[in-house]
Amino acid sequence: YANIVVVTQENKGVSAARNRGILTAQGDYLYFLDSDDYLADGALEYYRMSILSNPECDMLGFGYKMLYLDGGEKLFVNAKFDGCFFSGPKAAELFYMGKLFLNICSVLLKRCFILDNQLFFKEGIKIGEDYGFIREVVLQINKLYYNQRICFVYKLRKGSATDGHIGYGADSF
């Protein structure tokens, strides 16, 4: 496929890989998905429709599900905010209060916004680099759209970087 680019680089960690992806990407939006997680059925089409319906938004956030090692699961959604728009300051406030659930794999980001604001992952951090990135983004966005639809499934697996660092009700460190 002409629209797929394979990038090879020395292993410098997930942050360096994601930063390289940001700089290499050619599309209008960025989406990050870890290799051991997956998208819910129909998520890509839903993302496409959401982008077309909300082109003024720097960030689009969606609900997600976490599957735990013991077979349990937890939904990270807030039905109260379904279909809502937020300014950057309000999005940041709700995110910090733990009311607006945003995971690096549950958001779409406008690429020009990320590049114009020089927002990159901090390299050398092994746990929580994605949380730090989201925190910086919500501080600077102009507008966020949120939808409670589950589009992404996060699988906590034995031996992962976050194994033992995420509790049953927490999505932050």
Protein backbone atom coordinates (compact mmCIF):
# COMPACT_ATOMS: atom_id res chain seq x y z
CA TYR A 1 0.00 0.00 0.00
CA ALA A 2 1.37 3.37 -0.99
CA ASN A 3 0.01 5.02 2.16
CA ILE A 4 1.92 2.71 4.54
CA VAL A 5 5.46 3.62 5.51
CA VAL A 6 7.71 1.27 7.47
CA VAL A 7 10.15 3.10 9.72
CA THR A 8 13.21 1.37 11.13
CA GLN A 9 15.25 2.89 13.91
CA GLU A 10 17.36 1.82 16.85
CA ASN A 11 15.22 0.88 19.86
CA LYS A 12 15.09 4.05 21.97
CA GLY A 13 11.77 3.27 23.65
CA VAL A 14 8.10 3.90 22.96
CA SER A 15 8.34 7.70 23.25
CA ALA A 16 11.04 7.93 20.59
CA ALA A 17 9.05 5.60 18.34
CA ARG A 18 5.88 7.67 18.74
CA ASN A 19 7.79 10.91 18.14
CA ARG A 20 9.25 9.45 14.96
CA GLY A 21 5.73 8.49 13.91
CA ILE A 22 4.49 12.03 14.51
CA LEU A 23 7.25 13.43 12.32
CA THR A 24 6.85 10.78 9.60
CA ALA A 25 3.04 10.84 9.37
CA GLN A 26 1.51 12.54 6.35
CA GLY A 27 -2.19 12.42 7.23
CA ASP A 28 -4.29 15.08 8.89
CA TYR A 29 -4.82 13.13 12.12
CA LEU A 30 -2.68 11.01 14.42
CA TYR A 31 -3.78 7.85 16.18
CA PHE A 32 -1.64 5.65 18.42
CA LEU A 33 -2.36 1.97 19.02
CA ASP A 34 -0.10 -0.33 21.00
CA SER A 35 0.63 -3.73 19.47
CA ASP A 36 -1.04 -5.72 22.26
CA ASP A 37 -4.30 -3.72 22.26
CA TYR A 38 -7.04 -3.57 19.65
CA LEU A 39 -9.81 -1.49 18.15
CA ALA A 40 -13.47 -2.32 18.74
CA ASP A 41 -15.49 -3.40 15.71
CA GLY A 42 -16.31 -0.47 13.45
CA ALA A 43 -13.95 1.92 15.26
CA LEU A 44 -12.05 3.11 12.17
CA GLU A 45 -15.24 4.00 10.32
CA TYR A 46 -16.57 5.70 13.45
CA TYR A 47 -13.32 7.68 13.72
CA ARG A 48 -13.66 8.74 10.07
CA MET A 49 -17.25 9.92 10.59
CA SER A 50 -16.28 11.77 13.78
CA ILE A 51 -13.44 13.59 12.02
CA LEU A 52 -15.71 14.63 9.16
CA SER A 53 -18.38 15.87 11.61
CA ASN A 54 -15.93 17.79 13.84
CA PRO A 55 -13.12 19.25 11.72
CA GLU A 56 -12.70 22.21 14.09
CA CYS A 57 -11.54 19.99 16.96
CA ASP A 58 -7.85 19.53 17.80
CA MET A 59 -8.68 16.37 19.74
CA LEU A 60 -11.46 13.80 19.61
CA GLY A 61 -11.81 11.50 22.61
CA PHE A 62 -13.70 8.23 22.90
CA GLY A 63 -14.55 5.69 25.56
CA TYR A 64 -12.43 2.62 26.08
CA LYS A 65 -12.40 -0.69 27.89
CA MET A 66 -9.63 -2.18 30.01
CA LEU A 67 -9.31 -5.96 30.24
CA TYR A 68 -7.52 -7.09 33.42
CA LEU A 69 -5.25 -10.09 33.94
CA ASP A 70 -7.87 -11.88 36.05
CA GLY A 71 -10.48 -11.61 33.29
CA GLY A 72 -12.24 -8.60 34.78
CA GLU A 73 -12.95 -5.50 32.79
CA LYS A 74 -13.67 -1.84 33.40
CA LEU A 75 -15.24 0.71 31.11
CA PHE A 76 -13.71 4.17 30.96
CA VAL A 77 -16.58 6.31 29.72
CA ASN A 78 -18.55 9.25 30.97
CA ALA A 79 -22.07 9.18 29.51
CA LYS A 80 -22.69 12.66 30.94
CA PHE A 81 -20.20 14.09 28.43
CA ASP A 82 -21.36 12.10 25.40
CA GLY A 83 -21.43 14.35 22.35
CA CYS A 84 -20.01 17.32 24.27
CA PHE A 85 -17.41 19.85 23.21
CA PHE A 86 -14.87 21.30 25.63
CA SER A 87 -12.39 24.15 25.52
CA GLY A 88 -8.81 23.28 26.44
CA PRO A 89 -9.04 24.66 30.00
CA LYS A 90 -12.31 22.81 30.70
CA ALA A 91 -10.97 19.57 29.16
CA ALA A 92 -7.83 19.86 31.29
CA GLU A 93 -9.88 20.48 34.45
CA LEU A 94 -12.12 17.45 33.83
CA PHE A 95 -9.14 15.27 32.90
CA TYR A 96 -7.23 16.21 36.06
CA MET A 97 -10.33 15.59 38.18
CA GLY A 98 -10.63 12.08 36.72
CA LYS A 99 -13.99 12.80 35.11
CA LEU A 100 -12.87 12.83 31.47
CA PHE A 101 -11.13 9.57 30.60
CA LEU A 102 -8.49 10.03 27.92
CA ASN A 103 -5.94 7.40 26.98
CA ILE A 104 -3.32 7.82 24.26
CA CYS A 105 -5.13 5.08 22.31
CA SER A 106 -8.61 6.57 22.83
CA VAL A 107 -7.97 9.91 21.14
CA LEU A 108 -7.48 11.29 17.65
CA LEU A 109 -5.20 14.30 17.35
CA LYS A 110 -5.00 16.87 14.60
CA ARG A 111 -1.44 16.48 13.29
CA CYS A 112 -0.94 20.16 12.43
CA PHE A 113 -1.95 21.12 15.99
CA ILE A 114 0.63 18.71 17.46
CA LEU A 115 3.38 19.94 15.14
CA ASP A 116 2.51 23.64 15.44
CA ASN A 117 2.70 23.38 19.24
CA GLN A 118 5.76 21.12 19.24
CA LEU A 119 4.02 18.54 21.41
CA PHE A 120 6.10 15.38 21.67
CA PHE A 121 6.49 12.49 24.07
CA LYS A 122 9.21 12.91 26.67
CA GLU A 123 11.89 10.38 25.87
CA GLY A 124 13.53 8.24 28.52
CA ILE A 125 10.37 7.83 30.59
CA LYS A 126 9.37 4.18 30.85
CA ILE A 127 6.00 4.44 32.58
CA GLY A 128 3.42 7.20 32.18
CA GLU A 129 4.89 8.91 29.11
CA ASP A 130 1.49 8.74 27.45
CA TYR A 131 -0.25 10.33 30.44
CA GLY A 132 2.30 13.18 30.40
CA PHE A 133 1.72 13.71 26.70
CA ILE A 134 -2.08 13.81 27.06
CA ARG A 135 -1.69 16.21 30.00
CA GLU A 136 0.32 18.62 27.82
CA VAL A 137 -2.10 18.32 24.91
CA VAL A 138 -5.24 19.09 26.93
CA LEU A 139 -3.55 22.18 28.33
CA GLN A 140 -3.12 23.58 24.82
CA ILE A 141 -6.06 22.39 22.73
CA ASN A 142 -8.65 24.83 21.52
CA LYS A 143 -11.50 22.36 21.29
CA LEU A 144 -12.13 18.72 22.19
CA TYR A 145 -15.06 16.53 21.17
CA TYR A 146 -15.93 13.57 23.41
CA ASN A 147 -18.01 10.52 22.60
CA GLN A 148 -18.63 7.65 25.01
CA ARG A 149 -18.55 4.98 22.27
CA ILE A 150 -16.00 2.26 23.13
CA CYS A 151 -13.51 2.31 20.27
CA PHE A 152 -10.39 0.89 21.89
CA VAL A 153 -9.67 -2.11 24.13
CA TYR A 154 -6.65 -1.96 26.41
CA LYS A 155 -5.33 -5.34 27.49
CA LEU A 156 -3.30 -5.33 30.66
CA ARG A 157 -0.89 -8.21 30.22
CA LYS A 158 1.61 -9.90 32.49
CA GLY A 159 5.05 -8.38 32.08
CA SER A 160 3.85 -5.18 30.37
CA ALA A 161 5.33 -1.84 31.37
CA THR A 162 2.16 -1.00 33.31
CA ASP A 163 1.68 -4.43 34.93
CA GLY A 164 1.32 -3.66 38.62
CA HIS A 165 1.11 0.11 38.09
CA ILE A 166 -2.56 0.45 37.18
CA GLY A 167 -5.24 -0.18 39.75
CA TYR A 168 -8.79 -1.28 39.15
CA GLY A 169 -10.19 2.23 39.24
CA ALA A 170 -7.26 4.28 38.12
CA ASP A 171 -6.07 5.24 34.71
CA SER A 172 -3.31 7.55 35.86
CA PHE A 173 -0.14 7.12 37.84
